[in-house]
């Protein structure tokens, strides 16, 4: 959730033009989706649902990292906050990916 909140605040202060609105909107969509799908996963009704929702969170964390990399490459956003967000997105991706792998490995055969 902290990542999603900081991403929203980061995007709120991007210079106001059409390209930043599009890129920032994509980033906000991905970051908030990662947070909400992880939240949903923790409330899953079954292991399969947990794994599926965690998979979506992994994809969205990866997409967030991609948008942050793009923003950095085109020189948009603060270097310090953008760097923190990119590092956090990569860490979340590693953590969520490892959790998904473990959950799949521990899945009971049906």
PDB file of N, CA and C in Angstrom:
ATOM      1  N   UNK A   1       0.819  -1.188   0.000  1.00  0.00           N
ATOM      2  CA  UNK A   1       0.000   0.000   0.000  1.00  0.00           C
ATOM      3  C   UNK A   1       0.872   1.265   0.000  1.00  0.00           C
ATOM      4  N   UNK A   2       1.988   1.216   0.743  1.00  0.00           N
ATOM      5  CA  UNK A   2       2.879   2.375   0.796  1.00  0.00           C
ATOM      6  C   UNK A   2       3.391   2.722  -0.603  1.00  0.00           C
ATOM      7  N   UNK A   3       3.724   1.696  -1.386  1.00  0.00           N
ATOM      8  CA  UNK A   3       4.184   1.906  -2.755  1.00  0.00           C
ATOM      9  C   UNK A   3       3.094   2.590  -3.587  1.00  0.00           C
ATOM     10  N   UNK A   4       1.861   2.120  -3.467  1.00  0.00           N
ATOM     11  CA  UNK A   4       0.756   2.702  -4.226  1.00  0.00           C
ATOM     12  C   UNK A   4       0.527   4.158  -3.834  1.00  0.00           C
ATOM     13  N   UNK A   5       0.538   4.435  -2.548  1.00  0.00           N
ATOM     14  CA  UNK A   5       0.308   5.805  -2.068  1.00  0.00           C
ATOM     15  C   UNK A   5       1.411   6.746  -2.569  1.00  0.00           C
ATOM     16  N   UNK A   6       2.654   6.309  -2.439  1.00  0.00           N
ATOM     17  CA  UNK A   6       3.755   7.167  -2.883  1.00  0.00           C
ATOM     18  C   UNK A   6       3.741   7.347  -4.397  1.00  0.00           C
ATOM     19  N   UNK A   7       3.287   6.336  -5.127  1.00  0.00           N
ATOM     20  CA  UNK A   7       3.184   6.454  -6.579  1.00  0.00           C
ATOM     21  C   UNK A   7       2.127   7.484  -6.963  1.00  0.00           C
ATOM     22  N   UNK A   8       0.979   7.437  -6.303  1.00  0.00           N
ATOM     23  CA  UNK A   8      -0.084   8.411  -6.586  1.00  0.00           C
ATOM     24  C   UNK A   8       0.433   9.823  -6.319  1.00  0.00           C
ATOM     25  N   UNK A   9       1.090  10.014  -5.188  1.00  0.00           N
ATOM     26  CA  UNK A   9       1.614  11.341  -4.852  1.00  0.00           C
ATOM     27  C   UNK A   9       2.679  11.791  -5.847  1.00  0.00           C
ATOM     28  N   UNK A  10       3.526  10.860  -6.289  1.00  0.00           N
ATOM     29  CA  UNK A  10       4.550  11.147  -7.295  1.00  0.00           C
ATOM     30  C   UNK A  10       3.891  11.622  -8.592  1.00  0.00           C
ATOM     31  N   UNK A  11       2.865  10.935  -9.019  1.00  0.00           N
ATOM     32  CA  UNK A  11       2.201  11.281 -10.283  1.00  0.00           C
ATOM     33  C   UNK A  11       1.423  12.594 -10.184  1.00  0.00           C
ATOM     34  N   UNK A  12       0.969  12.932  -8.990  1.00  0.00           N
ATOM     35  CA  UNK A  12       0.245  14.196  -8.809  1.00  0.00           C
ATOM     36  C   UNK A  12       1.129  15.411  -9.059  1.00  0.00           C
ATOM     37  N   UNK A  13       2.440  15.250  -8.876  1.00  0.00           N
ATOM     38  CA  UNK A  13       3.321  16.409  -9.042  1.00  0.00           C
ATOM     39  C   UNK A  13       4.107  16.398 -10.353  1.00  0.00           C
ATOM     40  N   UNK A  14       3.810  15.443 -11.233  1.00  0.00           N
ATOM     41  CA  UNK A  14       4.451  15.467 -12.553  1.00  0.00           C
ATOM     42  C   UNK A  14       4.027  16.724 -13.293  1.00  0.00           C
ATOM     43  N   UNK A  15       4.910  17.284 -14.115  1.00  0.00           N
ATOM     44  CA  UNK A  15       4.517  18.447 -14.916  1.00  0.00           C
ATOM     45  C   UNK A  15       3.250  18.134 -15.718  1.00  0.00           C
ATOM     46  N   UNK A  16       2.338  19.100 -15.756  1.00  0.00           N
ATOM     47  CA  UNK A  16       1.031  18.868 -16.360  1.00  0.00           C
ATOM     48  C   UNK A  16       1.064  19.070 -17.873  1.00  0.00           C
ATOM     49  N   UNK A  17       1.116  17.938 -18.586  1.00  0.00           N
ATOM     50  CA  UNK A  17       0.961  17.952 -20.034  1.00  0.00           C
ATOM     51  C   UNK A  17       0.351  16.611 -20.440  1.00  0.00           C
ATOM     52  N   UNK A  18      -0.066  16.490 -21.669  1.00  0.00           N
ATOM     53  CA  UNK A  18      -0.828  15.304 -22.075  1.00  0.00           C
ATOM     54  C   UNK A  18      -0.011  14.024 -21.967  1.00  0.00           C
ATOM     55  N   UNK A  19       1.263  14.061 -22.273  1.00  0.00           N
ATOM     56  CA  UNK A  19       2.061  12.839 -22.230  1.00  0.00           C
ATOM     57  C   UNK A  19       2.277  12.388 -20.785  1.00  0.00           C
ATOM     58  N   UNK A  20       2.538  13.327 -19.887  1.00  0.00           N
ATOM     59  CA  UNK A  20       2.706  12.964 -18.484  1.00  0.00           C
ATOM     60  C   UNK A  20       1.410  12.446 -17.873  1.00  0.00           C
ATOM     61  N   UNK A  21       0.290  13.006 -18.304  1.00  0.00           N
ATOM     62  CA  UNK A  21      -1.004  12.492 -17.815  1.00  0.00           C
ATOM     63  C   UNK A  21      -1.199  11.049 -18.265  1.00  0.00           C
ATOM     64  N   UNK A  22      -0.825  10.750 -19.501  1.00  0.00           N
ATOM     65  CA  UNK A  22      -0.972   9.366 -20.000  1.00  0.00           C
ATOM     66  C   UNK A  22      -0.013   8.419 -19.290  1.00  0.00           C
ATOM     67  N   UNK A  23       1.263   8.792 -19.220  1.00  0.00           N
ATOM     68  CA  UNK A  23       2.256   7.926 -18.572  1.00  0.00           C
ATOM     69  C   UNK A  23       1.970   7.790 -17.080  1.00  0.00           C
ATOM     70  N   UNK A  24       1.676   8.912 -16.433  1.00  0.00           N
ATOM     71  CA  UNK A  24       1.354   8.873 -15.006  1.00  0.00           C
ATOM     72  C   UNK A  24       0.105   8.059 -14.732  1.00  0.00           C
ATOM     73  N   UNK A  25      -0.882   8.170 -15.598  1.00  0.00           N
ATOM     74  CA  UNK A  25      -2.113   7.384 -15.433  1.00  0.00           C
ATOM     75  C   UNK A  25      -1.848   5.893 -15.533  1.00  0.00           C
ATOM     76  N   UNK A  26      -1.015   5.516 -16.487  1.00  0.00           N
ATOM     77  CA  UNK A  26      -0.660   4.099 -16.629  1.00  0.00           C
ATOM     78  C   UNK A  26       0.068   3.602 -15.385  1.00  0.00           C
ATOM     79  N   UNK A  27       0.994   4.417 -14.876  1.00  0.00           N
ATOM     80  CA  UNK A  27       1.747   4.046 -13.681  1.00  0.00           C
ATOM     81  C   UNK A  27       0.827   3.919 -12.472  1.00  0.00           C
ATOM     82  N   UNK A  28      -0.070   4.877 -12.294  1.00  0.00           N
ATOM     83  CA  UNK A  28      -1.007   4.816 -11.164  1.00  0.00           C
ATOM     84  C   UNK A  28      -1.882   3.569 -11.278  1.00  0.00           C
ATOM     85  N   UNK A  29      -2.362   3.276 -12.483  1.00  0.00           N
ATOM     86  CA  UNK A  29      -3.192   2.069 -12.675  1.00  0.00           C
ATOM     87  C   UNK A  29      -2.429   0.818 -12.248  1.00  0.00           C
ATOM     88  N   UNK A  30      -1.183   0.690 -12.685  1.00  0.00           N
ATOM     89  CA  UNK A  30      -0.406  -0.513 -12.379  1.00  0.00           C
ATOM     90  C   UNK A  30      -0.067  -0.600 -10.892  1.00  0.00           C
ATOM     91  N   UNK A  31       0.397   0.498 -10.304  1.00  0.00           N
ATOM     92  CA  UNK A  31       0.813   0.476  -8.896  1.00  0.00           C
ATOM     93  C   UNK A  31      -0.363   0.201  -7.963  1.00  0.00           C
ATOM     94  N   UNK A  32      -1.491   0.840  -8.225  1.00  0.00           N
ATOM     95  CA  UNK A  32      -2.649   0.622  -7.349  1.00  0.00           C
ATOM     96  C   UNK A  32      -3.233  -0.770  -7.574  1.00  0.00           C
ATOM     97  N   UNK A  33      -3.154  -1.272  -8.792  1.00  0.00           N
ATOM     98  CA  UNK A  33      -3.632  -2.626  -9.061  1.00  0.00           C
ATOM     99  C   UNK A  33      -2.772  -3.663  -8.351  1.00  0.00           C
ATOM    100  N   UNK A  34      -1.460  -3.447  -8.311  1.00  0.00           N
ATOM    101  CA  UNK A  34      -0.580  -4.369  -7.588  1.00  0.00           C
ATOM    102  C   UNK A  34      -0.985  -4.428  -6.123  1.00  0.00           C
ATOM    103  N   UNK A  35      -1.218  -3.271  -5.527  1.00  0.00           N
ATOM    104  CA  UNK A  35      -1.600  -3.222  -4.113  1.00  0.00           C
ATOM    105  C   UNK A  35      -2.946  -3.892  -3.866  1.00  0.00           C
ATOM    106  N   UNK A  36      -3.913  -3.597  -4.698  1.00  0.00           N
ATOM    107  CA  UNK A  36      -5.259  -4.122  -4.463  1.00  0.00           C
ATOM    108  C   UNK A  36      -5.355  -5.619  -4.776  1.00  0.00           C
ATOM    109  N   UNK A  37      -4.614  -6.093  -5.758  1.00  0.00           N
ATOM    110  CA  UNK A  37      -4.620  -7.530  -6.045  1.00  0.00           C
ATOM    111  C   UNK A  37      -3.890  -8.315  -4.972  1.00  0.00           C
ATOM    112  N   UNK A  38      -2.839  -7.744  -4.391  1.00  0.00           N
ATOM    113  CA  UNK A  38      -2.188  -8.405  -3.261  1.00  0.00           C
ATOM    114  C   UNK A  38      -3.157  -8.471  -2.084  1.00  0.00           C
ATOM    115  N   UNK A  39      -3.837  -7.378  -1.821  1.00  0.00           N
ATOM    116  CA  UNK A  39      -4.837  -7.347  -0.739  1.00  0.00           C
ATOM    117  C   UNK A  39      -5.897  -8.410  -0.976  1.00  0.00           C
ATOM    118  N   UNK A  40      -6.364  -8.499  -2.202  1.00  0.00           N
ATOM    119  CA  UNK A  40      -7.373  -9.504  -2.552  1.00  0.00           C
ATOM    120  C   UNK A  40      -6.823 -10.916  -2.393  1.00  0.00           C
ATOM    121  N   UNK A  41      -5.567 -11.112  -2.754  1.00  0.00           N
ATOM    122  CA  UNK A  41      -4.954 -12.439  -2.636  1.00  0.00           C
ATOM    123  C   UNK A  41      -4.939 -12.907  -1.190  1.00  0.00           C
ATOM    124  N   UNK A  42      -4.640 -11.988  -0.283  1.00  0.00           N
ATOM    125  CA  UNK A  42      -4.567 -12.375   1.127  1.00  0.00           C
ATOM    126  C   UNK A  42      -5.928 -12.731   1.696  1.00  0.00           C
ATOM    127  N   UNK A  43      -6.961 -12.394   0.990  1.00  0.00           N
ATOM    128  CA  UNK A  43      -8.319 -12.725   1.420  1.00  0.00           C
ATOM    129  C   UNK A  43      -8.943 -13.803   0.526  1.00  0.00           C
ATOM    130  N   UNK A  44      -8.095 -14.476  -0.226  1.00  0.00           N
ATOM    131  CA  UNK A  44      -8.559 -15.502  -1.163  1.00  0.00           C
ATOM    132  C   UNK A  44      -9.317 -16.627  -0.474  1.00  0.00           C
ATOM    133  N   UNK A  45     -10.281 -17.170  -1.185  1.00  0.00           N
ATOM    134  CA  UNK A  45     -11.108 -18.251  -0.639  1.00  0.00           C
ATOM    135  C   UNK A  45     -10.480 -19.616  -0.851  1.00  0.00           C
ATOM    136  N   UNK A  46      -9.446 -19.675  -1.683  1.00  0.00           N
ATOM    137  CA  UNK A  46      -8.782 -20.953  -1.938  1.00  0.00           C
ATOM    138  C   UNK A  46      -7.327 -20.674  -2.317  1.00  0.00           C
ATOM    139  N   UNK A  47      -6.514 -21.713  -2.275  1.00  0.00           N
ATOM    140  CA  UNK A  47      -5.109 -21.562  -2.678  1.00  0.00           C
ATOM    141  C   UNK A  47      -5.030 -21.160  -4.149  1.00  0.00           C
ATOM    142  N   UNK A  48      -5.891 -21.733  -4.978  1.00  0.00           N
ATOM    143  CA  UNK A  48      -5.880 -21.384  -6.407  1.00  0.00           C
ATOM    144  C   UNK A  48      -6.191 -19.903  -6.613  1.00  0.00           C
ATOM    145  N   UNK A  49      -7.153 -19.392  -5.864  1.00  0.00           N
ATOM    146  CA  UNK A  49      -7.501 -17.976  -5.982  1.00  0.00           C
ATOM    147  C   UNK A  49      -6.340 -17.107  -5.476  1.00  0.00           C
ATOM    148  N   UNK A  50      -5.713 -17.525  -4.384  1.00  0.00           N
ATOM    149  CA  UNK A  50      -4.555 -16.809  -3.846  1.00  0.00           C
ATOM    150  C   UNK A  50      -3.448 -16.731  -4.903  1.00  0.00           C
ATOM    151  N   UNK A  51      -3.138 -17.854  -5.519  1.00  0.00           N
ATOM    152  CA  UNK A  51      -2.074 -17.904  -6.528  1.00  0.00           C
ATOM    153  C   UNK A  51      -2.428 -17.032  -7.732  1.00  0.00           C
ATOM    154  N   UNK A  52      -3.674 -17.084  -8.161  1.00  0.00           N
ATOM    155  CA  UNK A  52      -4.097 -16.294  -9.324  1.00  0.00           C
ATOM    156  C   UNK A  52      -3.993 -14.793  -9.044  1.00  0.00           C
ATOM    157  N   UNK A  53      -4.496 -14.359  -7.901  1.00  0.00           N
ATOM    158  CA  UNK A  53      -4.442 -12.935  -7.555  1.00  0.00           C
ATOM    159  C   UNK A  53      -3.004 -12.473  -7.339  1.00  0.00           C
ATOM    160  N   UNK A  54      -2.201 -13.333  -6.744  1.00  0.00           N
ATOM    161  CA  UNK A  54      -0.800 -13.005  -6.555  1.00  0.00           C
ATOM    162  C   UNK A  54      -0.109 -12.850  -7.908  1.00  0.00           C
ATOM    163  N   UNK A  55      -0.498 -13.680  -8.873  1.00  0.00           N
ATOM    164  CA  UNK A  55       0.046 -13.570 -10.222  1.00  0.00           C
ATOM    165  C   UNK A  55      -0.259 -12.234 -10.859  1.00  0.00           C
ATOM    166  N   UNK A  56      -1.470 -11.741 -10.640  1.00  0.00           N
ATOM    167  CA  UNK A  56      -1.838 -10.421 -11.174  1.00  0.00           C
ATOM    168  C   UNK A  56      -1.012  -9.338 -10.489  1.00  0.00           C
ATOM    169  N   UNK A  57      -0.833  -9.465  -9.175  1.00  0.00           N
ATOM    170  CA  UNK A  57      -0.016  -8.485  -8.445  1.00  0.00           C
ATOM    171  C   UNK A  57       1.418  -8.474  -8.971  1.00  0.00           C
ATOM    172  N   UNK A  58       1.957  -9.651  -9.285  1.00  0.00           N
ATOM    173  CA  UNK A  58       3.308  -9.749  -9.853  1.00  0.00           C
ATOM    174  C   UNK A  58       3.361  -9.009 -11.192  1.00  0.00           C
ATOM    175  N   UNK A  59       2.403  -9.259 -12.057  1.00  0.00           N
ATOM    176  CA  UNK A  59       2.371  -8.596 -13.363  1.00  0.00           C
ATOM    177  C   UNK A  59       2.286  -7.075 -13.217  1.00  0.00           C
ATOM    178  N   UNK A  60       1.466  -6.616 -12.288  1.00  0.00           N
ATOM    179  CA  UNK A  60       1.281  -5.180 -12.108  1.00  0.00           C
ATOM    180  C   UNK A  60       2.514  -4.527 -11.484  1.00  0.00           C
ATOM    181  N   UNK A  61       3.198  -5.228 -10.588  1.00  0.00           N
ATOM    182  CA  UNK A  61       4.446  -4.699 -10.027  1.00  0.00           C
ATOM    183  C   UNK A  61       5.495  -4.571 -11.133  1.00  0.00           C
ATOM    184  N   UNK A  62       5.552  -5.564 -12.014  1.00  0.00           N
ATOM    185  CA  UNK A  62       6.485  -5.524 -13.134  1.00  0.00           C
ATOM    186  C   UNK A  62       6.137  -4.373 -14.080  1.00  0.00           C
ATOM    187  N   UNK A  63       4.860  -4.196 -14.347  1.00  0.00           N
ATOM    188  CA  UNK A  63       4.438  -3.091 -15.207  1.00  0.00           C
ATOM    189  C   UNK A  63       4.778  -1.751 -14.566  1.00  0.00           C
ATOM    190  N   UNK A  64       4.590  -1.645 -13.255  1.00  0.00           N
ATOM    191  CA  UNK A  64       4.948  -0.411 -12.543  1.00  0.00           C
ATOM    192  C   UNK A  64       6.424  -0.099 -12.737  1.00  0.00           C
ATOM    193  N   UNK A  65       7.268  -1.098 -12.577  1.00  0.00           N
ATOM    194  CA  UNK A  65       8.703  -0.906 -12.779  1.00  0.00           C
ATOM    195  C   UNK A  65       8.981  -0.436 -14.205  1.00  0.00           C
ATOM    196  N   UNK A  66       8.295  -1.001 -15.159  1.00  0.00           N
ATOM    197  CA  UNK A  66       8.482  -0.597 -16.554  1.00  0.00           C
ATOM    198  C   UNK A  66       8.121   0.857 -16.800  1.00  0.00           C
ATOM    199  N   UNK A  67       6.987   1.303 -16.254  1.00  0.00           N
ATOM    200  CA  UNK A  67       6.582   2.706 -16.426  1.00  0.00           C
ATOM    201  C   UNK A  67       7.570   3.627 -15.728  1.00  0.00           C
ATOM    202  N   UNK A  68       8.050   3.238 -14.552  1.00  0.00           N
ATOM    203  CA  UNK A  68       9.027   4.052 -13.838  1.00  0.00           C
ATOM    204  C   UNK A  68      10.345   4.138 -14.605  1.00  0.00           C
ATOM    205  N   UNK A  69      10.751   3.036 -15.211  1.00  0.00           N
ATOM    206  CA  UNK A  69      11.966   3.053 -16.041  1.00  0.00           C
ATOM    207  C   UNK A  69      11.789   3.999 -17.225  1.00  0.00           C
ATOM    208  N   UNK A  70      10.631   3.938 -17.859  1.00  0.00           N
ATOM    209  CA  UNK A  70      10.360   4.822 -18.993  1.00  0.00           C
ATOM    210  C   UNK A  70      10.387   6.289 -18.564  1.00  0.00           C
ATOM    211  N   UNK A  71       9.703   6.604 -17.455  1.00  0.00           N
ATOM    212  CA  UNK A  71       9.700   7.984 -16.974  1.00  0.00           C
ATOM    213  C   UNK A  71      11.121   8.468 -16.687  1.00  0.00           C
ATOM    214  N   UNK A  72      11.933   7.609 -16.090  1.00  0.00           N
ATOM    215  CA  UNK A  72      13.317   7.988 -15.795  1.00  0.00           C
ATOM    216  C   UNK A  72      14.097   8.224 -17.089  1.00  0.00           C
ATOM    217  N   UNK A  73      13.887   7.373 -18.079  1.00  0.00           N
ATOM    218  CA  UNK A  73      14.636   7.499 -19.337  1.00  0.00           C
ATOM    219  C   UNK A  73      14.264   8.753 -20.116  1.00  0.00           C
ATOM    220  N   UNK A  74      13.037   9.214 -19.964  1.00  0.00           N
ATOM    221  CA  UNK A  74      12.642  10.444 -20.664  1.00  0.00           C
ATOM    222  C   UNK A  74      12.809  11.680 -19.782  1.00  0.00           C
ATOM    223  N   UNK A  75      13.334  11.474 -18.575  1.00  0.00           N
ATOM    224  CA  UNK A  75      13.659  12.593 -17.697  1.00  0.00           C
ATOM    225  C   UNK A  75      12.470  13.244 -17.030  1.00  0.00           C
ATOM    226  N   UNK A  76      11.438  12.469 -16.727  1.00  0.00           N
ATOM    227  CA  UNK A  76      10.245  13.017 -16.086  1.00  0.00           C
ATOM    228  C   UNK A  76      10.180  12.531 -14.643  1.00  0.00           C
ATOM    229  N   UNK A  77       9.842  13.436 -13.744  1.00  0.00           N
ATOM    230  CA  UNK A  77       9.706  13.073 -12.332  1.00  0.00           C
ATOM    231  C   UNK A  77      10.992  13.320 -11.583  1.00  0.00           C
ATOM    232  N   UNK A  78      10.870  13.387 -10.289  1.00  0.00           N
ATOM    233  CA  UNK A  78      12.043  13.611  -9.447  1.00  0.00           C
ATOM    234  C   UNK A  78      12.941  12.390  -9.415  1.00  0.00           C
ATOM    235  N   UNK A  79      14.223  12.602  -9.512  1.00  0.00           N
ATOM    236  CA  UNK A  79      15.171  11.480  -9.532  1.00  0.00           C
ATOM    237  C   UNK A  79      15.146  10.717  -8.216  1.00  0.00           C
ATOM    238  N   UNK A  80      15.084  11.441  -7.101  1.00  0.00           N
ATOM    239  CA  UNK A  80      15.127  10.769  -5.809  1.00  0.00           C
ATOM    240  C   UNK A  80      13.873   9.920  -5.582  1.00  0.00           C
ATOM    241  N   UNK A  81      12.709  10.525  -5.722  1.00  0.00           N
ATOM    242  CA  UNK A  81      11.467   9.781  -5.492  1.00  0.00           C
ATOM    243  C   UNK A  81      11.256   8.728  -6.573  1.00  0.00           C
ATOM    244  N   UNK A  82      11.534   9.064  -7.808  1.00  0.00           N
ATOM    245  CA  UNK A  82      11.408   8.089  -8.891  1.00  0.00           C
ATOM    246  C   UNK A  82      12.329   6.903  -8.680  1.00  0.00           C
ATOM    247  N   UNK A  83      13.538   7.168  -8.207  1.00  0.00           N
ATOM    248  CA  UNK A  83      14.481   6.087  -7.916  1.00  0.00           C
ATOM    249  C   UNK A  83      14.001   5.200  -6.785  1.00  0.00           C
ATOM    250  N   UNK A  84      13.450   5.833  -5.731  1.00  0.00           N
ATOM    251  CA  UNK A  84      12.913   5.049  -4.610  1.00  0.00           C
ATOM    252  C   UNK A  84      11.773   4.159  -5.103  1.00  0.00           C
ATOM    253  N   UNK A  85      10.879   4.743  -5.893  1.00  0.00           N
ATOM    254  CA  UNK A  85       9.734   3.980  -6.394  1.00  0.00           C
ATOM    255  C   UNK A  85      10.181   2.823  -7.288  1.00  0.00           C
ATOM    256  N   UNK A  86      11.153   3.072  -8.143  1.00  0.00           N
ATOM    257  CA  UNK A  86      11.640   2.007  -9.020  1.00  0.00           C
ATOM    258  C   UNK A  86      12.271   0.884  -8.197  1.00  0.00           C
ATOM    259  N   UNK A  87      13.077   1.231  -7.224  1.00  0.00           N
ATOM    260  CA  UNK A  87      13.677   0.224  -6.355  1.00  0.00           C
ATOM    261  C   UNK A  87      12.592  -0.561  -5.617  1.00  0.00           C
ATOM    262  N   UNK A  88      11.600   0.143  -5.116  1.00  0.00           N
ATOM    263  CA  UNK A  88      10.505  -0.515  -4.382  1.00  0.00           C
ATOM    264  C   UNK A  88       9.703  -1.438  -5.313  1.00  0.00           C
ATOM    265  N   UNK A  89       9.450  -0.999  -6.536  1.00  0.00           N
ATOM    266  CA  UNK A  89       8.724  -1.842  -7.489  1.00  0.00           C
ATOM    267  C   UNK A  89       9.495  -3.123  -7.765  1.00  0.00           C
ATOM    268  N   UNK A  90      10.800  -3.005  -7.933  1.00  0.00           N
ATOM    269  CA  UNK A  90      11.628  -4.185  -8.177  1.00  0.00           C
ATOM    270  C   UNK A  90      11.650  -5.119  -6.967  1.00  0.00           C
ATOM    271  N   UNK A  91      11.714  -4.538  -5.761  1.00  0.00           N
ATOM    272  CA  UNK A  91      11.692  -5.362  -4.554  1.00  0.00           C
ATOM    273  C   UNK A  91      10.342  -6.072  -4.405  1.00  0.00           C
ATOM    274  N   UNK A  92       9.258  -5.337  -4.653  1.00  0.00           N
ATOM    275  CA  UNK A  92       7.930  -5.959  -4.586  1.00  0.00           C
ATOM    276  C   UNK A  92       7.804  -7.075  -5.602  1.00  0.00           C
ATOM    277  N   UNK A  93       8.324  -6.856  -6.784  1.00  0.00           N
ATOM    278  CA  UNK A  93       8.288  -7.875  -7.824  1.00  0.00           C
ATOM    279  C   UNK A  93       9.014  -9.136  -7.364  1.00  0.00           C
ATOM    280  N   UNK A  94      10.178  -8.972  -6.763  1.00  0.00           N
ATOM    281  CA  UNK A  94      10.947 -10.128  -6.277  1.00  0.00           C
ATOM    282  C   UNK A  94      10.216 -10.844  -5.146  1.00  0.00           C
ATOM    283  N   UNK A  95       9.672 -10.087  -4.208  1.00  0.00           N
ATOM    284  CA  UNK A  95       8.967 -10.684  -3.066  1.00  0.00           C
ATOM    285  C   UNK A  95       7.705 -11.401  -3.521  1.00  0.00           C
ATOM    286  N   UNK A  96       6.900 -10.714  -4.325  1.00  0.00           N
ATOM    287  CA  UNK A  96       5.636 -11.310  -4.782  1.00  0.00           C
ATOM    288  C   UNK A  96       5.889 -12.514  -5.680  1.00  0.00           C
ATOM    289  N   UNK A  97       6.901 -12.413  -6.534  1.00  0.00           N
ATOM    290  CA  UNK A  97       7.242 -13.541  -7.404  1.00  0.00           C
ATOM    291  C   UNK A  97       7.689 -14.755  -6.610  1.00  0.00           C
ATOM    292  N   UNK A  98       8.493 -14.524  -5.581  1.00  0.00           N
ATOM    293  CA  UNK A  98       8.940 -15.631  -4.729  1.00  0.00           C
ATOM    294  C   UNK A  98       7.766 -16.240  -3.969  1.00  0.00           C
ATOM    295  N   UNK A  99       6.860 -15.393  -3.495  1.00  0.00           N
ATOM    296  CA  UNK A  99       5.671 -15.889  -2.782  1.00  0.00           C
ATOM    297  C   UNK A  99       4.801 -16.734  -3.704  1.00  0.00           C
ATOM    298  N   UNK A 100       4.630 -16.267  -4.933  1.00  0.00           N
ATOM    299  CA  UNK A 100       3.828 -17.014  -5.895  1.00  0.00           C
ATOM    300  C   UNK A 100       4.470 -18.364  -6.192  1.00  0.00           C
ATOM    301  N   UNK A 101       5.780 -18.380  -6.364  1.00  0.00           N
ATOM    302  CA  UNK A 101       6.496 -19.631  -6.639  1.00  0.00           C
ATOM    303  C   UNK A 101       6.330 -20.605  -5.475  1.00  0.00           C
ATOM    304  N   UNK A 102       6.498 -20.117  -4.258  1.00  0.00           N
ATOM    305  CA  UNK A 102       6.346 -20.969  -3.075  1.00  0.00           C
ATOM    306  C   UNK A 102       4.925 -21.504  -2.977  1.00  0.00           C
ATOM    307  N   UNK A 103       3.945 -20.654  -3.200  1.00  0.00           N
ATOM    308  CA  UNK A 103       2.550 -21.086  -3.121  1.00  0.00           C
ATOM    309  C   UNK A 103       2.257 -22.167  -4.162  1.00  0.00           C
ATOM    310  N   UNK A 104       2.809 -22.021  -5.363  1.00  0.00           N
ATOM    311  CA  UNK A 104       2.607 -23.038  -6.401  1.00  0.00           C
ATOM    312  C   UNK A 104       3.284 -24.341  -6.016  1.00  0.00           C
ATOM    313  N   UNK A 105       4.490 -24.255  -5.461  1.00  0.00           N
ATOM    314  CA  UNK A 105       5.212 -25.466  -5.065  1.00  0.00           C
ATOM    315  C   UNK A 105       4.526 -26.200  -3.923  1.00  0.00           C
ATOM    316  N   UNK A 106       3.867 -25.453  -3.044  1.00  0.00           N
ATOM    317  CA  UNK A 106       3.208 -26.053  -1.881  1.00  0.00           C
ATOM    318  C   UNK A 106       1.760 -26.448  -2.140  1.00  0.00           C
ATOM    319  N   UNK A 107       1.322 -26.237  -3.373  1.00  0.00           N
ATOM    320  CA  UNK A 107      -0.056 -26.563  -3.732  1.00  0.00           C
ATOM    321  C   UNK A 107      -0.278 -28.062  -3.573  1.00  0.00           C
ATOM    322  N   UNK A 108      -1.380 -28.401  -2.956  1.00  0.00           N
ATOM    323  CA  UNK A 108      -1.737 -29.820  -2.783  1.00  0.00           C
ATOM    324  C   UNK A 108      -2.236 -30.380  -4.114  1.00  0.00           C
ATOM    325  N   UNK A 109      -1.791 -31.581  -4.496  1.00  0.00           N
ATOM    326  CA  UNK A 109      -2.309 -32.173  -5.728  1.00  0.00           C
ATOM    327  C   UNK A 109      -3.797 -32.503  -5.562  1.00  0.00           C
ATOM    328  N   UNK A 110      -4.529 -32.283  -6.627  1.00  0.00           N
ATOM    329  CA  UNK A 110      -5.986 -32.554  -6.564  1.00  0.00           C
ATOM    330  C   UNK A 110      -6.327 -33.920  -7.076  1.00  0.00           C
TER     331      UNK A 110
END
